[in-house]
PDB file of all heavy atoms in Angstrom:
ATOM      1  N   MET A   1     -72.638  37.858 -67.048  1.00  0.00           N
ATOM      2  CA  MET A   1     -71.497  37.545 -66.191  1.00  0.00           C
ATOM      3  C   MET A   1     -70.334  38.486 -66.489  1.00  0.00           C
ATOM      4  O   MET A   1     -70.308  39.177 -67.507  1.00  0.00           O
ATOM      5  CB  MET A   1     -71.060  36.093 -66.399  1.00  0.00           C
ATOM      6  CG  MET A   1     -72.175  35.069 -66.220  1.00  0.00           C
ATOM      7  SD  MET A   1     -71.571  33.358 -66.339  1.00  0.00           S
ATOM      8  CE  MET A   1     -70.887  33.363 -67.995  1.00  0.00           C
ATOM      9  N   ASP A   2     -69.352  38.457 -65.599  1.00  0.00           N
ATOM     10  CA  ASP A   2     -68.136  39.238 -65.802  1.00  0.00           C
ATOM     11  C   ASP A   2     -67.046  38.424 -66.494  1.00  0.00           C
ATOM     12  O   ASP A   2     -65.908  38.871 -66.615  1.00  0.00           O
ATOM     13  CB  ASP A   2     -67.596  39.758 -64.466  1.00  0.00           C
ATOM     14  CG  ASP A   2     -67.293  38.645 -63.483  1.00  0.00           C
ATOM     15  OD1 ASP A   2     -67.717  37.497 -63.744  1.00  0.00           O
ATOM     16  OD2 ASP A   2     -66.648  38.923 -62.459  1.00  0.00           O
ATOM     17  N   SER A   3     -67.402  37.224 -66.966  1.00  0.00           N
ATOM     18  CA  SER A   3     -66.458  36.363 -67.668  1.00  0.00           C
ATOM     19  C   SER A   3     -67.243  35.541 -68.688  1.00  0.00           C
ATOM     20  O   SER A   3     -68.406  35.169 -68.435  1.00  0.00           O
ATOM     21  CB  SER A   3     -65.739  35.430 -66.677  1.00  0.00           C
ATOM     22  OG  SER A   3     -65.017  34.442 -67.349  1.00  0.00           O
ATOM     23  N   PRO A   4     -66.666  35.231 -69.829  1.00  0.00           N
ATOM     24  CA  PRO A   4     -67.394  34.408 -70.798  1.00  0.00           C
ATOM     25  C   PRO A   4     -67.532  32.953 -70.376  1.00  0.00           C
ATOM     26  O   PRO A   4     -68.327  32.214 -70.926  1.00  0.00           O
ATOM     27  CB  PRO A   4     -66.540  34.530 -72.071  1.00  0.00           C
ATOM     28  CG  PRO A   4     -65.165  34.795 -71.569  1.00  0.00           C
ATOM     29  CD  PRO A   4     -65.347  35.660 -70.342  1.00  0.00           C
ATOM     30  N   ASP A   5     -66.750  32.546 -69.417  1.00  0.00           N
ATOM     31  CA  ASP A   5     -66.763  31.167 -68.948  1.00  0.00           C
ATOM     32  C   ASP A   5     -67.524  31.085 -67.636  1.00  0.00           C
ATOM     33  O   ASP A   5     -67.170  31.755 -66.659  1.00  0.00           O
ATOM     34  CB  ASP A   5     -65.327  30.666 -68.777  1.00  0.00           C
ATOM     35  CG  ASP A   5     -65.281  29.170 -68.506  1.00  0.00           C
ATOM     36  OD1 ASP A   5     -66.345  28.565 -68.294  1.00  0.00           O
ATOM     37  OD2 ASP A   5     -64.154  28.616 -68.475  1.00  0.00           O
ATOM     38  N   LYS A   6     -68.539  30.258 -67.583  1.00  0.00           N
ATOM     39  CA  LYS A   6     -69.345  30.135 -66.370  1.00  0.00           C
ATOM     40  C   LYS A   6     -68.530  29.603 -65.194  1.00  0.00           C
ATOM     41  O   LYS A   6     -68.854  29.878 -64.035  1.00  0.00           O
ATOM     42  CB  LYS A   6     -70.550  29.208 -66.629  1.00  0.00           C
ATOM     43  CG  LYS A   6     -71.567  29.792 -67.570  1.00  0.00           C
ATOM     44  CD  LYS A   6     -72.811  28.936 -67.640  1.00  0.00           C
ATOM     45  CE  LYS A   6     -72.523  27.611 -68.324  1.00  0.00           C
ATOM     46  NZ  LYS A   6     -73.762  26.804 -68.503  1.00  0.00           N
ATOM     47  N   GLU A   7     -67.495  28.865 -65.473  1.00  0.00           N
ATOM     48  CA  GLU A   7     -66.689  28.279 -64.397  1.00  0.00           C
ATOM     49  C   GLU A   7     -65.807  29.316 -63.703  1.00  0.00           C
ATOM     50  O   GLU A   7     -65.407  29.138 -62.558  1.00  0.00           O
ATOM     51  CB  GLU A   7     -65.825  27.138 -64.940  1.00  0.00           C
ATOM     52  CG  GLU A   7     -66.621  26.014 -65.581  1.00  0.00           C
ATOM     53  CD  GLU A   7     -67.602  25.381 -64.609  1.00  0.00           C
ATOM     54  OE1 GLU A   7     -67.283  25.308 -63.397  1.00  0.00           O
ATOM     55  OE2 GLU A   7     -68.687  24.973 -65.057  1.00  0.00           O
ATOM     56  N   THR A   8     -65.474  30.398 -64.400  1.00  0.00           N
ATOM     57  CA  THR A   8     -64.582  31.413 -63.828  1.00  0.00           C
ATOM     58  C   THR A   8     -65.298  32.698 -63.462  1.00  0.00           C
ATOM     59  O   THR A   8     -64.695  33.608 -62.909  1.00  0.00           O
ATOM     60  CB  THR A   8     -63.444  31.733 -64.819  1.00  0.00           C
ATOM     61  OG1 THR A   8     -64.012  32.245 -66.036  1.00  0.00           O
ATOM     62  CG2 THR A   8     -62.623  30.498 -65.123  1.00  0.00           C
ATOM     63  N   ALA A   9     -66.586  32.819 -63.810  1.00  0.00           N
ATOM     64  CA  ALA A   9     -67.337  34.046 -63.530  1.00  0.00           C
ATOM     65  C   ALA A   9     -67.531  34.232 -62.030  1.00  0.00           C
ATOM     66  O   ALA A   9     -67.693  33.264 -61.278  1.00  0.00           O
ATOM     67  CB  ALA A   9     -68.684  34.007 -64.231  1.00  0.00           C
ATOM     68  N   THR A  10     -67.494  35.498 -61.606  1.00  0.00           N
ATOM     69  CA  THR A  10     -67.716  35.832 -60.198  1.00  0.00           C
ATOM     70  C   THR A  10     -69.058  36.528 -60.009  1.00  0.00           C
ATOM     71  O   THR A  10     -69.878  36.122 -59.178  1.00  0.00           O
ATOM     72  CB  THR A  10     -66.584  36.746 -59.677  1.00  0.00           C
ATOM     73  OG1 THR A  10     -65.338  36.052 -59.832  1.00  0.00           O
ATOM     74  CG2 THR A  10     -66.799  37.073 -58.204  1.00  0.00           C
ATOM     75  N   TYR A  11     -69.308  37.589 -60.773  1.00  0.00           N
ATOM     76  CA  TYR A  11     -70.570  38.325 -60.675  1.00  0.00           C
ATOM     77  C   TYR A  11     -71.533  37.774 -61.714  1.00  0.00           C
ATOM     78  O   TYR A  11     -71.249  37.790 -62.920  1.00  0.00           O
ATOM     79  CB  TYR A  11     -70.333  39.819 -60.886  1.00  0.00           C
ATOM     80  CG  TYR A  11     -69.475  40.430 -59.808  1.00  0.00           C
ATOM     81  CD1 TYR A  11     -68.104  40.569 -59.969  1.00  0.00           C
ATOM     82  CD2 TYR A  11     -70.053  40.854 -58.619  1.00  0.00           C
ATOM     83  CE1 TYR A  11     -67.323  41.121 -58.975  1.00  0.00           C
ATOM     84  CE2 TYR A  11     -69.274  41.411 -57.608  1.00  0.00           C
ATOM     85  CZ  TYR A  11     -67.900  41.530 -57.796  1.00  0.00           C
ATOM     86  OH  TYR A  11     -67.147  42.080 -56.791  1.00  0.00           O
ATOM     87  N   VAL A  12     -72.695  37.306 -61.248  1.00  0.00           N
ATOM     88  CA  VAL A  12     -73.619  36.592 -62.136  1.00  0.00           C
ATOM     89  C   VAL A  12     -75.038  37.078 -61.884  1.00  0.00           C
ATOM     90  O   VAL A  12     -75.490  37.199 -60.736  1.00  0.00           O
ATOM     91  CB  VAL A  12     -73.553  35.068 -61.889  1.00  0.00           C
ATOM     92  CG1 VAL A  12     -74.533  34.343 -62.808  1.00  0.00           C
ATOM     93  CG2 VAL A  12     -72.140  34.543 -62.105  1.00  0.00           C
ATOM     94  N   LEU A  13     -75.734  37.406 -62.993  1.00  0.00           N
ATOM     95  CA  LEU A  13     -77.188  37.606 -62.961  1.00  0.00           C
ATOM     96  C   LEU A  13     -77.780  36.424 -63.733  1.00  0.00           C
ATOM     97  O   LEU A  13     -77.519  36.244 -64.918  1.00  0.00           O
ATOM     98  CB  LEU A  13     -77.588  38.922 -63.631  1.00  0.00           C
ATOM     99  CG  LEU A  13     -79.052  39.343 -63.501  1.00  0.00           C
ATOM    100  CD1 LEU A  13     -79.192  40.845 -63.681  1.00  0.00           C
ATOM    101  CD2 LEU A  13     -79.946  38.660 -64.544  1.00  0.00           C
ATOM    102  N   ARG A  14     -78.576  35.597 -63.058  1.00  0.00           N
ATOM    103  CA  ARG A  14     -79.058  34.345 -63.624  1.00  0.00           C
ATOM    104  C   ARG A  14     -80.580  34.394 -63.722  1.00  0.00           C
ATOM    105  O   ARG A  14     -81.263  34.717 -62.754  1.00  0.00           O
ATOM    106  CB  ARG A  14     -78.623  33.184 -62.749  1.00  0.00           C
ATOM    107  CG  ARG A  14     -78.919  31.803 -63.319  1.00  0.00           C
ATOM    108  CD  ARG A  14     -78.262  30.746 -62.442  1.00  0.00           C
ATOM    109  NE  ARG A  14     -78.388  29.411 -62.997  1.00  0.00           N
ATOM    110  CZ  ARG A  14     -77.784  28.333 -62.490  1.00  0.00           C
ATOM    111  NH1 ARG A  14     -77.014  28.455 -61.412  1.00  0.00           N
ATOM    112  NH2 ARG A  14     -77.948  27.152 -63.054  1.00  0.00           N
ATOM    113  N   VAL A  15     -81.106  34.061 -64.912  1.00  0.00           N
ATOM    114  CA  VAL A  15     -82.547  34.086 -65.161  1.00  0.00           C
ATOM    115  C   VAL A  15     -82.965  32.747 -65.724  1.00  0.00           C
ATOM    116  O   VAL A  15     -82.395  32.282 -66.724  1.00  0.00           O
ATOM    117  CB  VAL A  15     -82.932  35.207 -66.145  1.00  0.00           C
ATOM    118  CG1 VAL A  15     -84.449  35.237 -66.338  1.00  0.00           C
ATOM    119  CG2 VAL A  15     -82.450  36.559 -65.662  1.00  0.00           C
ATOM    120  N   ASN A  16     -83.935  32.101 -65.083  1.00  0.00           N
ATOM    121  CA  ASN A  16     -84.514  30.872 -65.632  1.00  0.00           C
ATOM    122  C   ASN A  16     -85.973  30.799 -65.202  1.00  0.00           C
ATOM    123  O   ASN A  16     -86.524  31.762 -64.662  1.00  0.00           O
ATOM    124  CB  ASN A  16     -83.720  29.642 -65.163  1.00  0.00           C
ATOM    125  CG  ASN A  16     -83.614  29.559 -63.640  1.00  0.00           C
ATOM    126  OD1 ASN A  16     -84.553  29.872 -62.924  1.00  0.00           O
ATOM    127  ND2 ASN A  16     -82.447  29.149 -63.150  1.00  0.00           N
ATOM    128  N   GLN A  17     -86.615  29.667 -65.477  1.00  0.00           N
ATOM    129  CA  GLN A  17     -88.047  29.549 -65.230  1.00  0.00           C
ATOM    130  C   GLN A  17     -88.399  29.628 -63.743  1.00  0.00           C
ATOM    131  O   GLN A  17     -89.562  29.831 -63.391  1.00  0.00           O
ATOM    132  CB  GLN A  17     -88.576  28.235 -65.798  1.00  0.00           C
ATOM    133  CG  GLN A  17     -87.977  26.997 -65.109  1.00  0.00           C
ATOM    134  CD  GLN A  17     -88.576  25.710 -65.643  1.00  0.00           C
ATOM    135  OE1 GLN A  17     -89.447  25.760 -66.509  1.00  0.00           O
ATOM    136  NE2 GLN A  17     -88.124  24.580 -65.132  1.00  0.00           N
ATOM    137  N   ASN A  18     -87.407  29.496 -62.857  1.00  0.00           N
ATOM    138  CA  ASN A  18     -87.668  29.533 -61.422  1.00  0.00           C
ATOM    139  C   ASN A  18     -87.475  30.912 -60.815  1.00  0.00           C
ATOM    140  O   ASN A  18     -87.792  31.116 -59.651  1.00  0.00           O
ATOM    141  CB  ASN A  18     -86.779  28.528 -60.706  1.00  0.00           C
ATOM    142  CG  ASN A  18     -87.099  27.106 -61.073  1.00  0.00           C
ATOM    143  OD1 ASN A  18     -88.264  26.758 -61.213  1.00  0.00           O
ATOM    144  ND2 ASN A  18     -86.071  26.283 -61.253  1.00  0.00           N
ATOM    145  N   GLY A  19     -86.936  31.880 -61.584  1.00  0.00           N
ATOM    146  CA  GLY A  19     -86.787  33.219 -61.046  1.00  0.00           C
ATOM    147  C   GLY A  19     -85.534  33.902 -61.534  1.00  0.00           C
ATOM    148  O   GLY A  19     -84.881  33.472 -62.500  1.00  0.00           O
ATOM    149  N   ILE A  20     -85.204  34.993 -60.829  1.00  0.00           N
ATOM    150  CA  ILE A  20     -84.043  35.816 -61.147  1.00  0.00           C
ATOM    151  C   ILE A  20     -83.171  35.877 -59.892  1.00  0.00           C
ATOM    152  O   ILE A  20     -83.660  36.134 -58.799  1.00  0.00           O
ATOM    153  CB  ILE A  20     -84.450  37.241 -61.557  1.00  0.00           C
ATOM    154  CG1 ILE A  20     -85.415  37.201 -62.742  1.00  0.00           C
ATOM    155  CG2 ILE A  20     -83.231  38.096 -61.892  1.00  0.00           C
ATOM    156  CD1 ILE A  20     -85.979  38.551 -63.094  1.00  0.00           C
ATOM    157  N   GLY A  21     -81.876  35.634 -60.082  1.00  0.00           N
ATOM    158  CA  GLY A  21     -80.978  35.664 -58.930  1.00  0.00           C
ATOM    159  C   GLY A  21     -79.702  36.423 -59.222  1.00  0.00           C
ATOM    160  O   GLY A  21     -79.249  36.503 -60.367  1.00  0.00           O
ATOM    161  N   PHE A  22     -79.117  37.005 -58.158  1.00  0.00           N
ATOM    162  CA  PHE A  22     -77.872  37.763 -58.267  1.00  0.00           C
ATOM    163  C   PHE A  22     -76.847  37.137 -57.334  1.00  0.00           C
ATOM    164  O   PHE A  22     -77.135  36.910 -56.160  1.00  0.00           O
ATOM    165  CB  PHE A  22     -78.069  39.232 -57.884  1.00  0.00           C
ATOM    166  CG  PHE A  22     -79.134  39.922 -58.705  1.00  0.00           C
ATOM    167  CD1 PHE A  22     -80.458  39.866 -58.325  1.00  0.00           C
ATOM    168  CD2 PHE A  22     -78.793  40.627 -59.841  1.00  0.00           C
ATOM    169  CE1 PHE A  22     -81.442  40.500 -59.055  1.00  0.00           C
ATOM    170  CE2 PHE A  22     -79.754  41.281 -60.587  1.00  0.00           C
ATOM    171  CZ  PHE A  22     -81.085  41.211 -60.209  1.00  0.00           C
ATOM    172  N   SER A  23     -75.667  36.827 -57.882  1.00  0.00           N
ATOM    173  CA  SER A  23     -74.621  36.203 -57.084  1.00  0.00           C
ATOM    174  C   SER A  23     -73.323  36.957 -57.272  1.00  0.00           C
ATOM    175  O   SER A  23     -73.026  37.440 -58.369  1.00  0.00           O
ATOM    176  CB  SER A  23     -74.432  34.736 -57.480  1.00  0.00           C
ATOM    177  OG  SER A  23     -73.270  34.189 -56.871  1.00  0.00           O
ATOM    178  N   THR A  24     -72.547  37.076 -56.214  1.00  0.00           N
ATOM    179  CA  THR A  24     -71.207  37.667 -56.283  1.00  0.00           C
ATOM    180  C   THR A  24     -70.131  36.627 -56.015  1.00  0.00           C
ATOM    181  O   THR A  24     -68.978  36.974 -55.774  1.00  0.00           O
ATOM    182  CB  THR A  24     -71.075  38.811 -55.271  1.00  0.00           C
ATOM    183  OG1 THR A  24     -71.331  38.304 -53.950  1.00  0.00           O
ATOM    184  CG2 THR A  24     -72.060  39.925 -55.576  1.00  0.00           C
ATOM    185  N   THR A  25     -70.520  35.340 -56.049  1.00  0.00           N
ATOM    186  CA  THR A  25     -69.576  34.257 -55.773  1.00  0.00           C
ATOM    187  C   THR A  25     -69.654  33.158 -56.829  1.00  0.00           C
ATOM    188  O   THR A  25     -69.364  32.004 -56.538  1.00  0.00           O
ATOM    189  CB  THR A  25     -69.836  33.655 -54.383  1.00  0.00           C
ATOM    190  OG1 THR A  25     -71.213  33.220 -54.324  1.00  0.00           O
ATOM    191  CG2 THR A  25     -69.584  34.653 -53.281  1.00  0.00           C
ATOM    192  N   GLY A  26     -70.053  33.478 -58.055  1.00  0.00           N
ATOM    193  CA  GLY A  26     -70.103  32.483 -59.116  1.00  0.00           C
ATOM    194  C   GLY A  26     -71.492  31.939 -59.357  1.00  0.00           C
ATOM    195  O   GLY A  26     -72.467  32.275 -58.653  1.00  0.00           O
ATOM    196  N   ILE A  27     -71.625  31.074 -60.386  1.00  0.00           N
ATOM    197  CA  ILE A  27     -72.954  30.593 -60.795  1.00  0.00           C
ATOM    198  C   ILE A  27     -73.593  29.668 -59.764  1.00  0.00           C
ATOM    199  O   ILE A  27     -74.808  29.482 -59.778  1.00  0.00           O
ATOM    200  CB  ILE A  27     -72.873  29.879 -62.159  1.00  0.00           C
ATOM    201  CG1 ILE A  27     -72.007  28.618 -62.049  1.00  0.00           C
ATOM    202  CG2 ILE A  27     -72.347  30.799 -63.232  1.00  0.00           C
ATOM    203  CD1 ILE A  27     -72.105  27.728 -63.276  1.00  0.00           C
ATOM    204  N   ASP A  28     -72.801  29.089 -58.875  1.00  0.00           N
ATOM    205  CA  ASP A  28     -73.366  28.196 -57.859  1.00  0.00           C
ATOM    206  C   ASP A  28     -73.848  28.937 -56.633  1.00  0.00           C
ATOM    207  O   ASP A  28     -74.318  28.343 -55.665  1.00  0.00           O
ATOM    208  CB  ASP A  28     -72.316  27.140 -57.458  1.00  0.00           C
ATOM    209  CG  ASP A  28     -72.021  26.175 -58.607  1.00  0.00           C
ATOM    210  OD1 ASP A  28     -72.936  25.922 -59.406  1.00  0.00           O
ATOM    211  OD2 ASP A  28     -70.875  25.710 -58.709  1.00  0.00           O
ATOM    212  N   GLY A  29     -73.722  30.266 -56.618  1.00  0.00           N
ATOM    213  CA  GLY A  29     -74.261  31.050 -55.526  1.00  0.00           C
ATOM    214  C   GLY A  29     -73.354  31.099 -54.301  1.00  0.00           C
ATOM    215  O   GLY A  29     -72.158  30.872 -54.400  1.00  0.00           O
ATOM    216  N   PRO A  30     -73.935  31.451 -53.132  1.00  0.00           N
ATOM    217  CA  PRO A  30     -75.386  31.593 -52.918  1.00  0.00           C
ATOM    218  C   PRO A  30     -75.972  32.850 -53.547  1.00  0.00           C
ATOM    219  O   PRO A  30     -75.299  33.854 -53.670  1.00  0.00           O
ATOM    220  CB  PRO A  30     -75.504  31.674 -51.383  1.00  0.00           C
ATOM    221  CG  PRO A  30     -74.183  32.232 -50.949  1.00  0.00           C
ATOM    222  CD  PRO A  30     -73.153  31.693 -51.911  1.00  0.00           C
ATOM    223  N   TYR A  31     -77.258  32.757 -53.940  1.00  0.00           N
ATOM    224  CA  TYR A  31     -77.984  33.869 -54.506  1.00  0.00           C
ATOM    225  C   TYR A  31     -78.737  34.578 -53.391  1.00  0.00           C
ATOM    226  O   TYR A  31     -79.915  34.322 -53.146  1.00  0.00           O
ATOM    227  CB  TYR A  31     -78.928  33.384 -55.603  1.00  0.00           C
ATOM    228  CG  TYR A  31     -78.213  32.925 -56.850  1.00  0.00           C
ATOM    229  CD1 TYR A  31     -77.759  31.618 -56.973  1.00  0.00           C
ATOM    230  CD2 TYR A  31     -77.967  33.811 -57.883  1.00  0.00           C
ATOM    231  CE1 TYR A  31     -77.077  31.203 -58.098  1.00  0.00           C
ATOM    232  CE2 TYR A  31     -77.278  33.402 -59.035  1.00  0.00           C
ATOM    233  CZ  TYR A  31     -76.833  32.097 -59.136  1.00  0.00           C
ATOM    234  OH  TYR A  31     -76.164  31.704 -60.254  1.00  0.00           O
ATOM    235  N   SER A  32     -78.010  35.459 -52.679  1.00  0.00           N
ATOM    236  CA  SER A  32     -78.595  36.140 -51.517  1.00  0.00           C
ATOM    237  C   SER A  32     -79.618  37.188 -51.927  1.00  0.00           C
ATOM    238  O   SER A  32     -80.444  37.591 -51.123  1.00  0.00           O
ATOM    239  CB  SER A  32     -77.482  36.782 -50.676  1.00  0.00           C
ATOM    240  OG  SER A  32     -76.721  37.674 -51.465  1.00  0.00           O
ATOM    241  N   ASN A  33     -79.544  37.666 -53.162  1.00  0.00           N
ATOM    242  CA  ASN A  33     -80.543  38.581 -53.698  1.00  0.00           C
ATOM    243  C   ASN A  33     -81.262  37.874 -54.827  1.00  0.00           C
ATOM    244  O   ASN A  33     -80.651  37.575 -55.867  1.00  0.00           O
ATOM    245  CB  ASN A  33     -79.899  39.881 -54.206  1.00  0.00           C
ATOM    246  CG  ASN A  33     -79.229  40.651 -53.079  1.00  0.00           C
ATOM    247  OD1 ASN A  33     -79.661  40.589 -51.935  1.00  0.00           O
ATOM    248  ND2 ASN A  33     -78.159  41.365 -53.393  1.00  0.00           N
ATOM    249  N   ALA A  34     -82.544  37.602 -54.669  1.00  0.00           N
ATOM    250  CA  ALA A  34     -83.268  36.820 -55.673  1.00  0.00           C
ATOM    251  C   ALA A  34     -84.760  37.093 -55.607  1.00  0.00           C
ATOM    252  O   ALA A  34     -85.283  37.534 -54.585  1.00  0.00           O
ATOM    253  CB  ALA A  34     -83.004  35.319 -55.463  1.00  0.00           C
ATOM    254  N   TRP A  35     -85.408  36.830 -56.753  1.00  0.00           N
ATOM    255  CA  TRP A  35     -86.877  36.902 -56.843  1.00  0.00           C
ATOM    256  C   TRP A  35     -87.327  35.596 -57.469  1.00  0.00           C
ATOM    257  O   TRP A  35     -87.132  35.353 -58.657  1.00  0.00           O
ATOM    258  CB  TRP A  35     -87.277  38.087 -57.704  1.00  0.00           C
ATOM    259  CG  TRP A  35     -88.761  38.405 -57.650  1.00  0.00           C
ATOM    260  CD1 TRP A  35     -89.706  37.731 -56.957  1.00  0.00           C
ATOM    261  CD2 TRP A  35     -89.418  39.487 -58.307  1.00  0.00           C
ATOM    262  NE1 TRP A  35     -90.930  38.310 -57.118  1.00  0.00           N
ATOM    263  CE2 TRP A  35     -90.786  39.405 -57.955  1.00  0.00           C
ATOM    264  CE3 TRP A  35     -88.993  40.501 -59.140  1.00  0.00           C
ATOM    265  CZ2 TRP A  35     -91.731  40.306 -58.434  1.00  0.00           C
ATOM    266  CZ3 TRP A  35     -89.937  41.412 -59.606  1.00  0.00           C
ATOM    267  CH2 TRP A  35     -91.287  41.309 -59.259  1.00  0.00           C
ATOM    268  N   THR A  36     -87.895  34.719 -56.656  1.00  0.00           N
ATOM    269  CA  THR A  36     -88.209  33.384 -57.103  1.00  0.00           C
ATOM    270  C   THR A  36     -89.659  33.282 -57.543  1.00  0.00           C
ATOM    271  O   THR A  36     -90.498  34.127 -57.205  1.00  0.00           O
ATOM    272  CB  THR A  36     -87.930  32.364 -55.979  1.00  0.00           C
ATOM    273  OG1 THR A  36     -88.685  32.734 -54.814  1.00  0.00           O
ATOM    274  CG2 THR A  36     -86.457  32.377 -55.630  1.00  0.00           C
ATOM    275  N   ILE A  37     -89.958  32.198 -58.309  1.00  0.00           N
ATOM    276  CA  ILE A  37     -91.264  32.064 -58.923  1.00  0.00           C
ATOM    277  C   ILE A  37     -92.374  31.818 -57.894  1.00  0.00           C
ATOM    278  O   ILE A  37     -93.551  32.022 -58.181  1.00  0.00           O
ATOM    279  CB  ILE A  37     -91.220  30.915 -59.968  1.00  0.00           C
ATOM    280  CG1 ILE A  37     -92.430  31.019 -60.918  1.00  0.00           C
ATOM    281  CG2 ILE A  37     -91.195  29.563 -59.270  1.00  0.00           C
ATOM    282  CD1 ILE A  37     -92.334  30.074 -62.081  1.00  0.00           C
ATOM    283  N   ASP A  38     -92.005  31.390 -56.689  1.00  0.00           N
ATOM    284  CA  ASP A  38     -93.020  31.160 -55.661  1.00  0.00           C
ATOM    285  C   ASP A  38     -93.405  32.447 -54.928  1.00  0.00           C
ATOM    286  O   ASP A  38     -94.115  32.400 -53.919  1.00  0.00           O
ATOM    287  CB  ASP A  38     -92.541  30.114 -54.653  1.00  0.00           C
ATOM    288  CG  ASP A  38     -91.222  30.491 -53.994  1.00  0.00           C
ATOM    289  OD1 ASP A  38     -90.711  31.592 -54.289  1.00  0.00           O
ATOM    290  OD2 ASP A  38     -90.719  29.687 -53.192  1.00  0.00           O
ATOM    291  N   GLY A  39     -92.907  33.600 -55.405  1.00  0.00           N
ATOM    292  CA  GLY A  39     -93.340  34.882 -54.847  1.00  0.00           C
ATOM    293  C   GLY A  39     -92.434  35.458 -53.791  1.00  0.00           C
ATOM    294  O   GLY A  39     -92.734  36.507 -53.236  1.00  0.00           O
ATOM    295  N   ASN A  40     -91.310  34.812 -53.508  1.00  0.00           N
ATOM    296  CA  ASN A  40     -90.391  35.299 -52.478  1.00  0.00           C
ATOM    297  C   ASN A  40     -89.382  36.270 -53.072  1.00  0.00           C
ATOM    298  O   ASN A  40     -88.756  35.976 -54.099  1.00  0.00           O
ATOM    299  CB  ASN A  40     -89.642  34.132 -51.810  1.00  0.00           C
ATOM    300  CG  ASN A  40     -90.528  33.354 -50.868  1.00  0.00           C
ATOM    301  OD1 ASN A  40     -91.218  33.933 -50.051  1.00  0.00           O
ATOM    302  ND2 ASN A  40     -90.536  32.038 -51.004  1.00  0.00           N
ATOM    303  N   LEU A  41     -89.241  37.411 -52.408  1.00  0.00           N
ATOM    304  CA  LEU A  41     -88.234  38.402 -52.784  1.00  0.00           C
ATOM    305  C   LEU A  41     -87.196  38.437 -51.673  1.00  0.00           C
ATOM    306  O   LEU A  41     -87.493  38.849 -50.548  1.00  0.00           O
ATOM    307  CB  LEU A  41     -88.847  39.780 -52.974  1.00  0.00           C
ATOM    308  CG  LEU A  41     -87.875  40.930 -53.292  1.00  0.00           C
ATOM    309  CD1 LEU A  41     -87.137  40.655 -54.591  1.00  0.00           C
ATOM    310  CD2 LEU A  41     -88.604  42.270 -53.361  1.00  0.00           C
TER     311      LEU A  41
END
């Protein structure tokens, strides 16, 4: 993230068991660029 606090971060790269997502509007998304575990890019 661009901030140490998840509540104030704007640019976020998030990785978990469901996939990888990129957000420019905070951790709640939307994640318009993502690669999910069900095979969707």
